[in-house]
PDB file of N, CA and C in Angstrom:
ATOM      1  N   MET A   1      19.555   2.476   3.098  1.00  0.00           N
ATOM      2  CA  MET A   1      19.306   2.123   4.479  1.00  0.00           C
ATOM      3  C   MET A   1      17.903   2.795   5.150  1.00  0.00           C
ATOM      4  N   ALA A   2      17.139   1.364   5.470  1.00  0.00           N
ATOM      5  CA  ALA A   2      15.800   1.659   5.867  1.00  0.00           C
ATOM      6  C   ALA A   2      15.760   2.435   7.241  1.00  0.00           C
ATOM      7  N   ASP A   3      14.763   3.357   7.400  1.00  0.00           N
ATOM      8  CA  ASP A   3      14.593   3.958   8.588  1.00  0.00           C
ATOM      9  C   ASP A   3      13.320   3.577   9.138  1.00  0.00           C
ATOM     10  N   ASN A   4      13.294   2.864  10.193  1.00  0.00           N
ATOM     11  CA  ASN A   4      12.172   1.905  10.832  1.00  0.00           C
ATOM     12  C   ASN A   4      11.495   3.144  12.075  1.00  0.00           C
ATOM     13  N   ARG A   5      12.110   4.429  12.234  1.00  0.00           N
ATOM     14  CA  ARG A   5      11.753   5.220  13.094  1.00  0.00           C
ATOM     15  C   ARG A   5      10.280   5.785  13.130  1.00  0.00           C
ATOM     16  N   SER A   6       9.823   5.770  11.188  1.00  0.00           N
ATOM     17  CA  SER A   6       8.862   6.355  10.831  1.00  0.00           C
ATOM     18  C   SER A   6       7.320   6.210  11.450  1.00  0.00           C
ATOM     19  N   ASP A   7       7.146   5.003  12.307  1.00  0.00           N
ATOM     20  CA  ASP A   7       5.669   4.541  12.987  1.00  0.00           C
ATOM     21  C   ASP A   7       6.050   4.420  14.385  1.00  0.00           C
ATOM     22  N   GLN A   8       7.268   4.897  14.806  1.00  0.00           N
ATOM     23  CA  GLN A   8       7.196   5.089  16.454  1.00  0.00           C
ATOM     24  C   GLN A   8       6.933   6.526  16.861  1.00  0.00           C
ATOM     25  N   ARG A   9       6.443   6.325  17.859  1.00  0.00           N
ATOM     26  CA  ARG A   9       5.941   7.779  18.576  1.00  0.00           C
ATOM     27  C   ARG A   9       6.844   8.029  19.706  1.00  0.00           C
ATOM     28  N   PRO A  10       6.994   9.179  20.268  1.00  0.00           N
ATOM     29  CA  PRO A  10       8.014   9.490  21.399  1.00  0.00           C
ATOM     30  C   PRO A  10       6.844   9.070  22.528  1.00  0.00           C
ATOM     31  N   GLU A  11       7.448   8.345  23.466  1.00  0.00           N
ATOM     32  CA  GLU A  11       6.340   8.310  24.810  1.00  0.00           C
ATOM     33  C   GLU A  11       6.310   9.709  25.499  1.00  0.00           C
ATOM     34  N   GLN A  12       5.115   9.827  25.854  1.00  0.00           N
ATOM     35  CA  GLN A  12       4.466  10.494  26.553  1.00  0.00           C
ATOM     36  C   GLN A  12       3.907  10.018  28.132  1.00  0.00           C
ATOM     37  N   GLY A  13       4.481  10.638  29.191  1.00  0.00           N
ATOM     38  CA  GLY A  13       4.151  10.214  30.227  1.00  0.00           C
ATOM     39  C   GLY A  13       2.888  10.860  31.005  1.00  0.00           C
ATOM     40  N   GLY A  14       1.821  10.536  31.740  1.00  0.00           N
ATOM     41  CA  GLY A  14       1.118  11.034  32.395  1.00  0.00           C
ATOM     42  C   GLY A  14      -0.104  11.490  31.228  1.00  0.00           C
ATOM     43  N   ASP A  15      -0.433  12.799  31.787  1.00  0.00           N
ATOM     44  CA  ASP A  15      -1.533  13.659  31.028  1.00  0.00           C
ATOM     45  C   ASP A  15      -0.424  14.588  29.829  1.00  0.00           C
ATOM     46  N   GLN A  16       0.584  14.346  29.931  1.00  0.00           N
ATOM     47  CA  GLN A  16       1.285  15.383  29.045  1.00  0.00           C
ATOM     48  C   GLN A  16       0.936  15.400  27.512  1.00  0.00           C
ATOM     49  N   GLY A  17       0.363  14.660  27.373  1.00  0.00           N
ATOM     50  CA  GLY A  17      -0.111  14.191  25.738  1.00  0.00           C
ATOM     51  C   GLY A  17      -1.045  15.463  25.226  1.00  0.00           C
ATOM     52  N   GLY A  18      -2.223  15.317  26.388  1.00  0.00           N
ATOM     53  CA  GLY A  18      -2.686  16.583  25.967  1.00  0.00           C
ATOM     54  C   GLY A  18      -3.907  15.633  25.462  1.00  0.00           C
ATOM     55  N   GLY A  19      -4.235  14.473  25.238  1.00  0.00           N
ATOM     56  CA  GLY A  19      -5.568  13.763  24.757  1.00  0.00           C
ATOM     57  C   GLY A  19      -6.852  13.475  25.664  1.00  0.00           C
ATOM     58  N   GLU A  20      -7.449  12.978  25.417  1.00  0.00           N
ATOM     59  CA  GLU A  20      -8.684  12.656  26.188  1.00  0.00           C
ATOM     60  C   GLU A  20      -8.131  11.565  27.660  1.00  0.00           C
ATOM     61  N   ARG A  21      -8.882  11.952  28.709  1.00  0.00           N
ATOM     62  CA  ARG A  21      -8.674  11.059  29.669  1.00  0.00           C
ATOM     63  C   ARG A  21      -9.904   9.947  29.516  1.00  0.00           C
ATOM     64  N   PRO A  22      -9.762   8.680  30.541  1.00  0.00           N
ATOM     65  CA  PRO A  22     -10.512   7.893  30.269  1.00  0.00           C
ATOM     66  C   PRO A  22     -12.103   8.355  30.839  1.00  0.00           C
ATOM     67  N   ASP A  23     -12.134   9.423  31.545  1.00  0.00           N
ATOM     68  CA  ASP A  23     -13.540  10.104  31.685  1.00  0.00           C
ATOM     69  C   ASP A  23     -14.172  10.825  31.067  1.00  0.00           C
ATOM     70  N   GLY A  24     -13.094  10.741  29.512  1.00  0.00           N
ATOM     71  CA  GLY A  24     -14.005  11.805  28.311  1.00  0.00           C
ATOM     72  C   GLY A  24     -13.234  13.336  28.794  1.00  0.00           C
ATOM     73  N   ARG A  25     -12.615  13.669  29.629  1.00  0.00           N
ATOM     74  CA  ARG A  25     -12.582  15.362  29.931  1.00  0.00           C
ATOM     75  C   ARG A  25     -11.070  15.192  29.410  1.00  0.00           C
ATOM     76  N   ILE A  26     -10.583  16.520  28.497  1.00  0.00           N
ATOM     77  CA  ILE A  26      -9.288  16.520  27.917  1.00  0.00           C
ATOM     78  C   ILE A  26      -8.631  17.201  29.356  1.00  0.00           C
ATOM     79  N   SER A  27      -7.429  17.031  29.149  1.00  0.00           N
ATOM     80  CA  SER A  27      -6.160  17.746  30.280  1.00  0.00           C
ATOM     81  C   SER A  27      -6.822  19.034  30.408  1.00  0.00           C
ATOM     82  N   SER A  28      -6.047  19.558  31.510  1.00  0.00           N
ATOM     83  CA  SER A  28      -5.677  21.365  31.520  1.00  0.00           C
ATOM     84  C   SER A  28      -4.682  21.541  30.745  1.00  0.00           C
ATOM     85  N   GLN A  29      -3.956  20.934  30.195  1.00  0.00           N
ATOM     86  CA  GLN A  29      -2.867  21.730  29.135  1.00  0.00           C
ATOM     87  C   GLN A  29      -3.390  21.707  27.617  1.00  0.00           C
ATOM     88  N   GLU A  30      -4.394  20.903  27.402  1.00  0.00           N
ATOM     89  CA  GLU A  30      -4.940  20.793  26.189  1.00  0.00           C
ATOM     90  C   GLU A  30      -6.328  21.911  26.243  1.00  0.00           C
ATOM     91  N   ALA A  31      -6.806  21.818  27.142  1.00  0.00           N
ATOM     92  CA  ALA A  31      -8.010  22.831  27.590  1.00  0.00           C
ATOM     93  C   ALA A  31      -7.281  24.587  27.316  1.00  0.00           C
ATOM     94  N   ALA A  32      -6.090  24.671  27.576  1.00  0.00           N
ATOM     95  CA  ALA A  32      -5.039  25.879  27.299  1.00  0.00           C
ATOM     96  C   ALA A  32      -5.364  26.244  26.064  1.00  0.00           C
ATOM     97  N   ARG A  33      -4.660  24.881  25.390  1.00  0.00           N
ATOM     98  CA  ARG A  33      -4.030  25.181  24.259  1.00  0.00           C
ATOM     99  C   ARG A  33      -5.403  25.536  22.982  1.00  0.00           C
ATOM    100  N   ARG A  34      -6.464  25.005  23.537  1.00  0.00           N
ATOM    101  CA  ARG A  34      -7.842  25.135  22.453  1.00  0.00           C
ATOM    102  C   ARG A  34      -8.522  26.361  22.875  1.00  0.00           C
ATOM    103  N   ALA A  35      -8.297  26.833  23.780  1.00  0.00           N
ATOM    104  CA  ALA A  35      -8.855  28.128  24.238  1.00  0.00           C
ATOM    105  C   ALA A  35      -7.859  29.451  23.355  1.00  0.00           C
ATOM    106  N   MET A  36      -6.733  29.051  23.628  1.00  0.00           N
ATOM    107  CA  MET A  36      -5.774  29.968  22.666  1.00  0.00           C
ATOM    108  C   MET A  36      -6.222  29.963  21.214  1.00  0.00           C
ATOM    109  N   ASP A  37      -5.842  28.917  20.797  1.00  0.00           N
ATOM    110  CA  ASP A  37      -6.446  28.262  19.307  1.00  0.00           C
ATOM    111  C   ASP A  37      -7.699  29.088  19.154  1.00  0.00           C
ATOM    112  N   PHE A  38      -8.732  29.276  19.971  1.00  0.00           N
ATOM    113  CA  PHE A  38     -10.277  29.513  19.909  1.00  0.00           C
ATOM    114  C   PHE A  38     -10.306  30.938  19.519  1.00  0.00           C
ATOM    115  N   LEU A  39      -9.428  31.481  20.803  1.00  0.00           N
ATOM    116  CA  LEU A  39      -9.521  33.382  20.544  1.00  0.00           C
ATOM    117  C   LEU A  39      -8.743  33.581  19.592  1.00  0.00           C
ATOM    118  N   GLY A  40      -7.594  32.984  18.973  1.00  0.00           N
ATOM    119  CA  GLY A  40      -6.846  33.664  17.908  1.00  0.00           C
ATOM    120  C   GLY A  40      -7.710  33.442  16.546  1.00  0.00           C
ATOM    121  N   GLU A  41      -8.318  32.402  16.538  1.00  0.00           N
ATOM    122  CA  GLU A  41      -9.269  32.493  15.427  1.00  0.00           C
ATOM    123  C   GLU A  41     -10.227  33.379  15.322  1.00  0.00           C
ATOM    124  N   ILE A  42     -10.844  33.938  16.366  1.00  0.00           N
ATOM    125  CA  ILE A  42     -12.112  34.713  16.708  1.00  0.00           C
ATOM    126  C   ILE A  42     -11.153  36.373  16.466  1.00  0.00           C
ATOM    127  N   ALA A  43     -10.347  36.006  17.167  1.00  0.00           N
ATOM    128  CA  ALA A  43      -9.708  37.657  16.942  1.00  0.00           C
ATOM    129  C   ALA A  43      -8.614  37.877  15.852  1.00  0.00           C
ATOM    130  N   GLY A  44      -8.096  36.914  15.326  1.00  0.00           N
ATOM    131  CA  GLY A  44      -7.307  37.370  14.338  1.00  0.00           C
ATOM    132  C   GLY A  44      -5.793  37.689  14.582  1.00  0.00           C
ATOM    133  N   ALA A  45      -5.708  37.393  15.824  1.00  0.00           N
ATOM    134  CA  ALA A  45      -4.235  37.790  16.333  1.00  0.00           C
ATOM    135  C   ALA A  45      -4.339  36.728  17.385  1.00  0.00           C
ATOM    136  N   PRO A  46      -2.736  36.446  17.665  1.00  0.00           N
ATOM    137  CA  PRO A  46      -2.326  35.372  18.714  1.00  0.00           C
ATOM    138  C   PRO A  46      -2.812  36.076  20.222  1.00  0.00           C
ATOM    139  N   PRO A  47      -3.142  35.334  21.197  1.00  0.00           N
ATOM    140  CA  PRO A  47      -3.476  35.723  22.216  1.00  0.00           C
ATOM    141  C   PRO A  47      -1.960  35.492  23.093  1.00  0.00           C
ATOM    142  N   GLU A  48      -1.670  36.409  24.006  1.00  0.00           N
ATOM    143  CA  GLU A  48      -1.011  36.570  24.645  1.00  0.00           C
ATOM    144  C   GLU A  48      -0.404  35.200  25.787  1.00  0.00           C
ATOM    145  N   MET A  49      -1.531  35.138  26.722  1.00  0.00           N
ATOM    146  CA  MET A  49      -1.109  34.177  27.695  1.00  0.00           C
ATOM    147  C   MET A  49      -2.323  33.600  28.361  1.00  0.00           C
ATOM    148  N   VAL A  50      -2.296  32.199  28.891  1.00  0.00           N
ATOM    149  CA  VAL A  50      -3.017  31.866  29.446  1.00  0.00           C
ATOM    150  C   VAL A  50      -3.056  32.388  31.017  1.00  0.00           C
ATOM    151  N   THR A  51      -4.097  32.910  31.804  1.00  0.00           N
ATOM    152  CA  THR A  51      -3.876  33.232  33.306  1.00  0.00           C
ATOM    153  C   THR A  51      -4.531  31.794  34.176  1.00  0.00           C
ATOM    154  N   ALA A  52      -5.478  31.413  33.512  1.00  0.00           N
ATOM    155  CA  ALA A  52      -6.023  30.494  34.604  1.00  0.00           C
ATOM    156  C   ALA A  52      -6.710  29.478  33.696  1.00  0.00           C
ATOM    157  N   VAL A  53      -6.700  28.041  34.199  1.00  0.00           N
ATOM    158  CA  VAL A  53      -7.451  26.821  33.486  1.00  0.00           C
ATOM    159  C   VAL A  53      -8.410  26.219  35.066  1.00  0.00           C
ATOM    160  N   VAL A  54      -9.385  26.524  34.967  1.00  0.00           N
ATOM    161  CA  VAL A  54     -10.240  25.909  35.765  1.00  0.00           C
ATOM    162  C   VAL A  54     -11.336  24.889  35.593  1.00  0.00           C
ATOM    163  N   PRO A  55     -10.985  23.630  36.324  1.00  0.00           N
ATOM    164  CA  PRO A  55     -12.262  22.499  36.028  1.00  0.00           C
ATOM    165  C   PRO A  55     -13.591  23.059  36.275  1.00  0.00           C
ATOM    166  N   ALA A  56     -14.410  22.484  35.518  1.00  0.00           N
ATOM    167  CA  ALA A  56     -15.975  22.685  36.109  1.00  0.00           C
ATOM    168  C   ALA A  56     -16.530  21.233  35.632  1.00  0.00           C
ATOM    169  N   ASP A  57     -17.745  21.006  36.226  1.00  0.00           N
ATOM    170  CA  ASP A  57     -18.414  20.095  36.000  1.00  0.00           C
ATOM    171  C   ASP A  57     -18.783  19.471  34.746  1.00  0.00           C
ATOM    172  N   ASP A  58     -18.823  20.627  33.867  1.00  0.00           N
ATOM    173  CA  ASP A  58     -19.331  20.318  32.454  1.00  0.00           C
ATOM    174  C   ASP A  58     -17.936  20.538  31.694  1.00  0.00           C
ATOM    175  N   GLY A  59     -16.914  20.835  32.007  1.00  0.00           N
ATOM    176  CA  GLY A  59     -15.650  21.033  30.952  1.00  0.00           C
ATOM    177  C   GLY A  59     -14.822  21.975  31.662  1.00  0.00           C
ATOM    178  N   TRP A  60     -14.430  23.199  31.103  1.00  0.00           N
ATOM    179  CA  TRP A  60     -13.334  23.858  31.797  1.00  0.00           C
ATOM    180  C   TRP A  60     -13.388  25.390  31.352  1.00  0.00           C
ATOM    181  N   HIS A  61     -12.891  26.274  32.457  1.00  0.00           N
ATOM    182  CA  HIS A  61     -12.992  27.637  32.482  1.00  0.00           C
ATOM    183  C   HIS A  61     -11.630  27.845  32.346  1.00  0.00           C
ATOM    184  N   VAL A  62     -11.265  28.978  31.129  1.00  0.00           N
ATOM    185  CA  VAL A  62      -9.504  29.319  30.657  1.00  0.00           C
ATOM    186  C   VAL A  62      -9.991  30.827  30.810  1.00  0.00           C
ATOM    187  N   ASP A  63      -9.053  31.426  31.378  1.00  0.00           N
ATOM    188  CA  ASP A  63      -8.946  32.840  31.306  1.00  0.00           C
ATOM    189  C   ASP A  63      -7.423  33.255  30.406  1.00  0.00           C
ATOM    190  N   VAL A  64      -7.792  33.853  29.387  1.00  0.00           N
ATOM    191  CA  VAL A  64      -6.633  34.135  28.509  1.00  0.00           C
ATOM    192  C   VAL A  64      -6.594  35.720  28.019  1.00  0.00           C
ATOM    193  N   GLU A  65      -5.135  36.541  27.943  1.00  0.00           N
ATOM    194  CA  GLU A  65      -4.632  37.765  27.867  1.00  0.00           C
ATOM    195  C   GLU A  65      -4.710  37.649  26.479  1.00  0.00           C
ATOM    196  N   MET A  66      -5.219  39.098  25.660  1.00  0.00           N
ATOM    197  CA  MET A  66      -5.180  39.366  24.481  1.00  0.00           C
ATOM    198  C   MET A  66      -4.744  40.881  24.473  1.00  0.00           C
ATOM    199  N   LEU A  67      -3.975  40.917  23.257  1.00  0.00           N
ATOM    200  CA  LEU A  67      -3.475  42.511  23.196  1.00  0.00           C
ATOM    201  C   LEU A  67      -4.657  42.904  22.245  1.00  0.00           C
ATOM    202  N   GLU A  68      -5.151  44.062  22.655  1.00  0.00           N
ATOM    203  CA  GLU A  68      -6.398  44.954  21.940  1.00  0.00           C
ATOM    204  C   GLU A  68      -6.283  45.811  21.068  1.00  0.00           C
ATOM    205  N   LEU A  69      -5.025  46.640  21.598  1.00  0.00           N
ATOM    206  CA  LEU A  69      -4.430  47.786  20.867  1.00  0.00           C
ATOM    207  C   LEU A  69      -3.404  48.129  21.149  1.00  0.00           C
ATOM    208  N   ALA A  70      -2.290  47.805  20.423  1.00  0.00           N
ATOM    209  CA  ALA A  70      -1.158  48.360  20.469  1.00  0.00           C
ATOM    210  C   ALA A  70      -0.625  49.862  20.442  1.00  0.00           C
ATOM    211  N   ARG A  71       0.130  49.872  21.380  1.00  0.00           N
ATOM    212  CA  ARG A  71       0.413  51.436  21.707  1.00  0.00           C
ATOM    213  C   ARG A  71       1.732  51.744  21.745  1.00  0.00           C
ATOM    214  N   ILE A  72       2.134  52.932  21.464  1.00  0.00           N
ATOM    215  CA  ILE A  72       3.810  53.096  21.789  1.00  0.00           C
ATOM    216  C   ILE A  72       3.903  54.188  22.812  1.00  0.00           C
ATOM    217  N   PRO A  73       4.730  53.805  23.674  1.00  0.00           N
ATOM    218  CA  PRO A  73       5.549  52.882  24.123  1.00  0.00           C
ATOM    219  C   PRO A  73       4.620  51.161  24.319  1.00  0.00           C
ATOM    220  N   ASP A  74       5.347  50.442  24.297  1.00  0.00           N
ATOM    221  CA  ASP A  74       4.451  49.060  24.680  1.00  0.00           C
ATOM    222  C   ASP A  74       3.680  49.153  26.083  1.00  0.00           C
ATOM    223  N   SER A  75       4.054  49.649  27.152  1.00  0.00           N
ATOM    224  CA  SER A  75       3.744  49.644  28.252  1.00  0.00           C
ATOM    225  C   SER A  75       2.211  50.267  28.408  1.00  0.00           C
ATOM    226  N   SER A  76       1.877  51.342  27.492  1.00  0.00           N
ATOM    227  CA  SER A  76       0.929  51.489  27.200  1.00  0.00           C
ATOM    228  C   SER A  76      -0.360  50.852  26.307  1.00  0.00           C
ATOM    229  N   ASP A  77       0.110  49.502  26.023  1.00  0.00           N
ATOM    230  CA  ASP A  77      -0.953  48.616  25.081  1.00  0.00           C
ATOM    231  C   ASP A  77      -2.089  48.539  26.302  1.00  0.00           C
ATOM    232  N   ILE A  78      -3.177  47.947  25.415  1.00  0.00           N
ATOM    233  CA  ILE A  78      -4.352  47.821  26.021  1.00  0.00           C
ATOM    234  C   ILE A  78      -4.491  46.170  25.829  1.00  0.00           C
ATOM    235  N   LEU A  79      -4.665  45.656  26.948  1.00  0.00           N
ATOM    236  CA  LEU A  79      -5.066  44.099  26.951  1.00  0.00           C
ATOM    237  C   LEU A  79      -6.328  43.738  27.456  1.00  0.00           C
ATOM    238  N   GLY A  80      -6.799  42.884  27.306  1.00  0.00           N
ATOM    239  CA  GLY A  80      -8.217  42.373  27.468  1.00  0.00           C
ATOM    240  C   GLY A  80      -7.830  40.924  28.108  1.00  0.00           C
ATOM    241  N   CYS A  81      -8.800  40.801  29.201  1.00  0.00           N
ATOM    242  CA  CYS A  81      -8.645  39.385  29.476  1.00  0.00           C
ATOM    243  C   CYS A  81     -10.218  38.605  29.258  1.00  0.00           C
ATOM    244  N   TYR A  82      -9.936  37.347  28.659  1.00  0.00           N
ATOM    245  CA  TYR A  82     -11.037  36.662  28.337  1.00  0.00           C
ATOM    246  C   TYR A  82     -11.444  35.315  29.076  1.00  0.00           C
ATOM    247  N   GLU A  83     -12.523  34.882  29.250  1.00  0.00           N
ATOM    248  CA  GLU A  83     -12.888  33.697  29.709  1.00  0.00           C
ATOM    249  C   GLU A  83     -13.435  33.135  28.787  1.00  0.00           C
ATOM    250  N   VAL A  84     -12.903  31.635  27.945  1.00  0.00           N
ATOM    251  CA  VAL A  84     -13.295  30.662  27.250  1.00  0.00           C
ATOM    252  C   VAL A  84     -13.847  29.644  27.974  1.00  0.00           C
ATOM    253  N   THR A  85     -15.097  29.244  27.669  1.00  0.00           N
ATOM    254  CA  THR A  85     -15.874  28.052  28.427  1.00  0.00           C
ATOM    255  C   THR A  85     -15.627  26.953  27.058  1.00  0.00           C
ATOM    256  N   LEU A  86     -15.070  25.798  27.899  1.00  0.00           N
ATOM    257  CA  LEU A  86     -15.051  24.618  26.699  1.00  0.00           C
ATOM    258  C   LEU A  86     -15.761  23.452  27.635  1.00  0.00           C
ATOM    259  N   ASP A  87     -16.271  22.524  26.663  1.00  0.00           N
ATOM    260  CA  ASP A  87     -17.048  21.481  27.126  1.00  0.00           C
ATOM    261  C   ASP A  87     -16.078  20.340  27.504  1.00  0.00           C
ATOM    262  N   ARG A  88     -16.535  19.201  27.904  1.00  0.00           N
ATOM    263  CA  ARG A  88     -16.060  18.241  28.236  1.00  0.00           C
ATOM    264  C   ARG A  88     -14.732  17.801  27.339  1.00  0.00           C
ATOM    265  N   ALA A  89     -15.163  17.805  26.165  1.00  0.00           N
ATOM    266  CA  ALA A  89     -14.146  17.382  24.740  1.00  0.00           C
ATOM    267  C   ALA A  89     -13.387  18.243  24.458  1.00  0.00           C
ATOM    268  N   GLY A  90     -13.537  19.551  25.121  1.00  0.00           N
ATOM    269  CA  GLY A  90     -12.678  20.581  24.557  1.00  0.00           C
ATOM    270  C   GLY A  90     -12.899  21.458  23.633  1.00  0.00           C
ATOM    271  N   GLU A  91     -14.423  21.389  23.031  1.00  0.00           N
ATOM    272  CA  GLU A  91     -14.972  22.236  22.132  1.00  0.00           C
ATOM    273  C   GLU A  91     -15.489  23.776  22.972  1.00  0.00           C
ATOM    274  N   PRO A  92     -15.354  24.468  22.104  1.00  0.00           N
ATOM    275  CA  PRO A  92     -15.649  26.199  22.793  1.00  0.00           C
ATOM    276  C   PRO A  92     -17.299  26.095  22.892  1.00  0.00           C
ATOM    277  N   VAL A  93     -17.473  26.507  24.094  1.00  0.00           N
ATOM    278  CA  VAL A  93     -19.071  26.711  24.325  1.00  0.00           C
ATOM    279  C   VAL A  93     -19.086  28.500  24.315  1.00  0.00           C
ATOM    280  N   SER A  94     -18.489  28.919  25.004  1.00  0.00           N
ATOM    281  CA  SER A  94     -18.771  30.399  25.074  1.00  0.00           C
ATOM    282  C   SER A  94     -17.375  31.561  25.507  1.00  0.00           C
ATOM    283  N   TYR A  95     -17.580  32.602  25.000  1.00  0.00           N
ATOM    284  CA  TYR A  95     -16.202  33.457  25.592  1.00  0.00           C
ATOM    285  C   TYR A  95     -16.670  34.718  25.873  1.00  0.00           C
ATOM    286  N   ARG A  96     -16.054  35.523  26.944  1.00  0.00           N
ATOM    287  CA  ARG A  96     -16.642  36.831  27.196  1.00  0.00           C
ATOM    288  C   ARG A  96     -15.086  37.420  27.528  1.00  0.00           C
ATOM    289  N   ARG A  97     -15.422  39.177  27.440  1.00  0.00           N
ATOM    290  CA  ARG A  97     -14.275  40.022  28.138  1.00  0.00           C
ATOM    291  C   ARG A  97     -14.647  40.049  29.382  1.00  0.00           C
ATOM    292  N   THR A  98     -13.855  39.832  30.520  1.00  0.00           N
ATOM    293  CA  THR A  98     -14.209  39.982  31.709  1.00  0.00           C
ATOM    294  C   THR A  98     -13.416  41.026  32.416  1.00  0.00           C
ATOM    295  N   ARG A  99     -12.332  41.948  31.580  1.00  0.00           N
ATOM    296  CA  ARG A  99     -11.514  42.595  32.026  1.00  0.00           C
ATOM    297  C   ARG A  99     -10.970  43.436  30.641  1.00  0.00           C
ATOM    298  N   ARG A 100     -10.648  44.782  31.028  1.00  0.00           N
ATOM    299  CA  ARG A 100      -9.891  45.534  29.643  1.00  0.00           C
ATOM    300  C   ARG A 100      -8.922  46.465  30.783  1.00  0.00           C
ATOM    301  N   TYR A 101      -7.771  46.594  30.178  1.00  0.00           N
ATOM    302  CA  TYR A 101      -6.965  47.223  31.302  1.00  0.00           C
ATOM    303  C   TYR A 101      -5.304  47.592  30.469  1.00  0.00           C
ATOM    304  N   VAL A 102      -5.095  48.590  30.888  1.00  0.00           N
ATOM    305  CA  VAL A 102      -3.226  49.148  30.261  1.00  0.00           C
ATOM    306  C   VAL A 102      -2.101  47.994  31.057  1.00  0.00           C
ATOM    307  N   ARG A 103      -1.517  47.439  30.090  1.00  0.00           N
ATOM    308  CA  ARG A 103      -0.402  46.648  30.193  1.00  0.00           C
ATOM    309  C   ARG A 103       0.220  46.885  31.792  1.00  0.00           C
ATOM    310  N   THR A 104       0.563  48.230  32.234  1.00  0.00           N
ATOM    311  CA  THR A 104       1.186  48.594  33.161  1.00  0.00           C
ATOM    312  C   THR A 104       0.458  48.717  34.631  1.00  0.00           C
ATOM    313  N   GLN A 105      -1.130  48.032  34.509  1.00  0.00           N
ATOM    314  CA  GLN A 105      -1.774  48.498  35.650  1.00  0.00           C
ATOM    315  C   GLN A 105      -1.640  46.958  36.198  1.00  0.00           C
ATOM    316  N   THR A 106      -1.214  47.044  37.444  1.00  0.00           N
ATOM    317  CA  THR A 106      -1.218  45.952  38.640  1.00  0.00           C
ATOM    318  C   THR A 106      -2.404  45.750  39.495  1.00  0.00           C
ATOM    319  N   GLY A 107      -2.510  44.658  39.997  1.00  0.00           N
ATOM    320  CA  GLY A 107      -3.986  44.490  40.998  1.00  0.00           C
ATOM    321  C   GLY A 107      -5.001  44.402  40.305  1.00  0.00           C
ATOM    322  N   GLU A 108      -6.140  44.473  40.980  1.00  0.00           N
ATOM    323  CA  GLU A 108      -7.738  44.174  40.507  1.00  0.00           C
ATOM    324  C   GLU A 108      -8.289  45.811  40.595  1.00  0.00           C
ATOM    325  N   GLU A 109      -9.336  46.001  39.767  1.00  0.00           N
ATOM    326  CA  GLU A 109     -10.246  47.131  39.603  1.00  0.00           C
ATOM    327  C   GLU A 109     -11.084  47.109  40.617  1.00  0.00           C
TER     328      GLU A 109
END
Protein backbone atom coordinates (compact mmCIF):
# COMPACT_ATOMS: atom_id res chain seq x y z
CA MET A 1 0.00 0.00 0.00
CA ALA A 2 1.49 3.31 -1.08
CA ASP A 3 2.01 6.06 1.48
CA ASN A 4 1.34 9.46 -0.07
CA ARG A 5 2.20 11.36 3.11
CA SER A 6 5.93 11.55 2.37
CA ASP A 7 5.62 14.80 0.45
CA GLN A 8 3.09 16.39 2.77
CA ARG A 9 4.24 18.88 5.37
CA PRO A 10 2.39 19.81 8.52
CA GLU A 11 0.68 23.15 8.27
CA GLN A 12 2.22 25.88 10.35
CA GLY A 13 0.29 28.96 11.29
CA GLY A 14 1.74 32.45 11.37
CA ASP A 15 5.30 32.82 12.57
CA GLN A 16 5.44 29.42 14.30
CA GLY A 17 7.60 27.80 11.64
CA GLY A 18 10.67 29.81 12.53
CA GLY A 19 11.47 30.77 8.95
CA GLU A 20 12.21 34.16 7.53
CA ARG A 21 9.56 36.82 7.32
CA PRO A 22 8.96 38.82 4.15
CA ASP A 23 11.24 41.58 5.53
CA GLY A 24 14.13 39.09 5.79
CA ARG A 25 14.12 38.98 9.60
CA ILE A 26 13.84 35.61 11.33
CA SER A 27 11.14 35.08 13.97
CA SER A 28 11.76 35.59 17.68
CA GLN A 29 11.40 31.83 18.24
CA GLU A 30 14.02 31.10 15.59
CA ALA A 31 16.32 33.78 17.06
CA ALA A 32 16.07 32.08 20.47
CA ARG A 33 16.83 28.65 18.96
CA ARG A 34 19.82 29.93 17.00
CA ALA A 35 21.28 31.77 20.00
CA MET A 36 21.00 28.63 22.15
CA ASP A 37 22.55 26.47 19.42
CA PHE A 38 25.39 28.96 18.98
CA LEU A 39 26.21 29.12 22.70
CA GLY A 40 25.94 25.35 22.98
CA GLU A 41 28.56 24.98 20.24
CA ILE A 42 30.87 27.60 21.74
CA ALA A 43 30.60 26.34 25.34
CA GLY A 44 30.33 22.64 24.60
CA ALA A 45 27.38 22.35 26.98
CA PRO A 46 23.66 22.90 26.53
CA PRO A 47 22.26 26.28 27.60
CA GLU A 48 19.75 26.32 30.46
CA MET A 49 17.14 28.77 29.11
CA VAL A 50 16.42 31.90 27.09
CA THR A 51 15.49 34.81 29.36
CA ALA A 52 14.96 37.56 26.77
CA VAL A 53 14.54 38.02 23.01
CA VAL A 54 14.67 41.69 21.99
CA PRO A 55 14.32 42.93 18.40
CA ALA A 56 16.85 45.48 17.18
CA ASP A 57 17.08 47.44 13.94
CA ASP A 58 19.85 45.17 12.70
CA GLY A 59 18.62 41.82 14.11
CA TRP A 60 18.06 40.39 17.58
CA HIS A 61 19.56 40.47 21.10
CA VAL A 62 18.98 37.22 22.96
CA ASP A 63 19.82 36.62 26.64
CA VAL A 64 20.65 33.01 27.51
CA GLU A 65 21.53 31.40 30.86
CA MET A 66 24.31 28.81 30.90
CA LEU A 67 25.59 26.50 33.63
CA GLU A 68 29.23 27.50 34.17
CA LEU A 69 30.16 25.47 37.22
CA ALA A 70 28.19 22.52 38.58
CA ARG A 71 28.33 22.11 42.35
CA ILE A 72 26.79 19.90 44.99
CA PRO A 73 24.11 20.73 45.96
CA ASP A 74 22.68 22.04 42.67
CA SER A 75 21.46 25.16 44.43
CA SER A 76 25.07 26.37 44.62
CA ASP A 77 25.74 26.00 40.83
CA ILE A 78 27.30 29.01 39.14
CA LEU A 79 25.29 30.33 36.17
CA GLY A 80 26.22 32.92 33.56
CA CYS A 81 23.88 35.13 31.58
CA TYR A 82 25.04 35.76 28.02
CA GLU A 83 23.81 38.24 25.44
CA VAL A 84 23.96 36.93 21.87
CA THR A 85 23.54 39.39 19.01
CA LEU A 86 22.16 37.97 15.76
CA ASP A 87 21.86 39.76 12.43
CA ARG A 88 18.52 39.95 10.59
CA ALA A 89 19.16 36.58 8.92
CA GLY A 90 19.91 34.94 12.29
CA GLU A 91 23.68 34.65 12.02
CA PRO A 92 25.59 35.26 15.27
CA VAL A 93 27.47 38.56 15.26
CA SER A 94 28.72 38.66 18.85
CA TYR A 95 28.21 37.34 22.35
CA ARG A 96 29.28 38.40 25.83
CA ARG A 97 28.69 37.38 29.41
CA THR A 98 26.67 40.06 31.19
CA ARG A 99 26.30 38.45 34.61
CA ARG A 100 27.58 35.56 36.72
CA TYR A 101 25.74 34.37 39.82
CA VAL A 102 24.86 31.49 42.14
CA ARG A 103 21.67 29.68 41.06
CA THR A 104 19.79 30.62 44.25
CA GLN A 105 20.43 34.36 43.93
CA THR A 106 17.34 36.40 43.24
CA GLY A 107 17.03 39.95 42.01
CA GLU A 108 19.67 42.17 40.48
CA GLU A 109 23.08 42.95 41.88
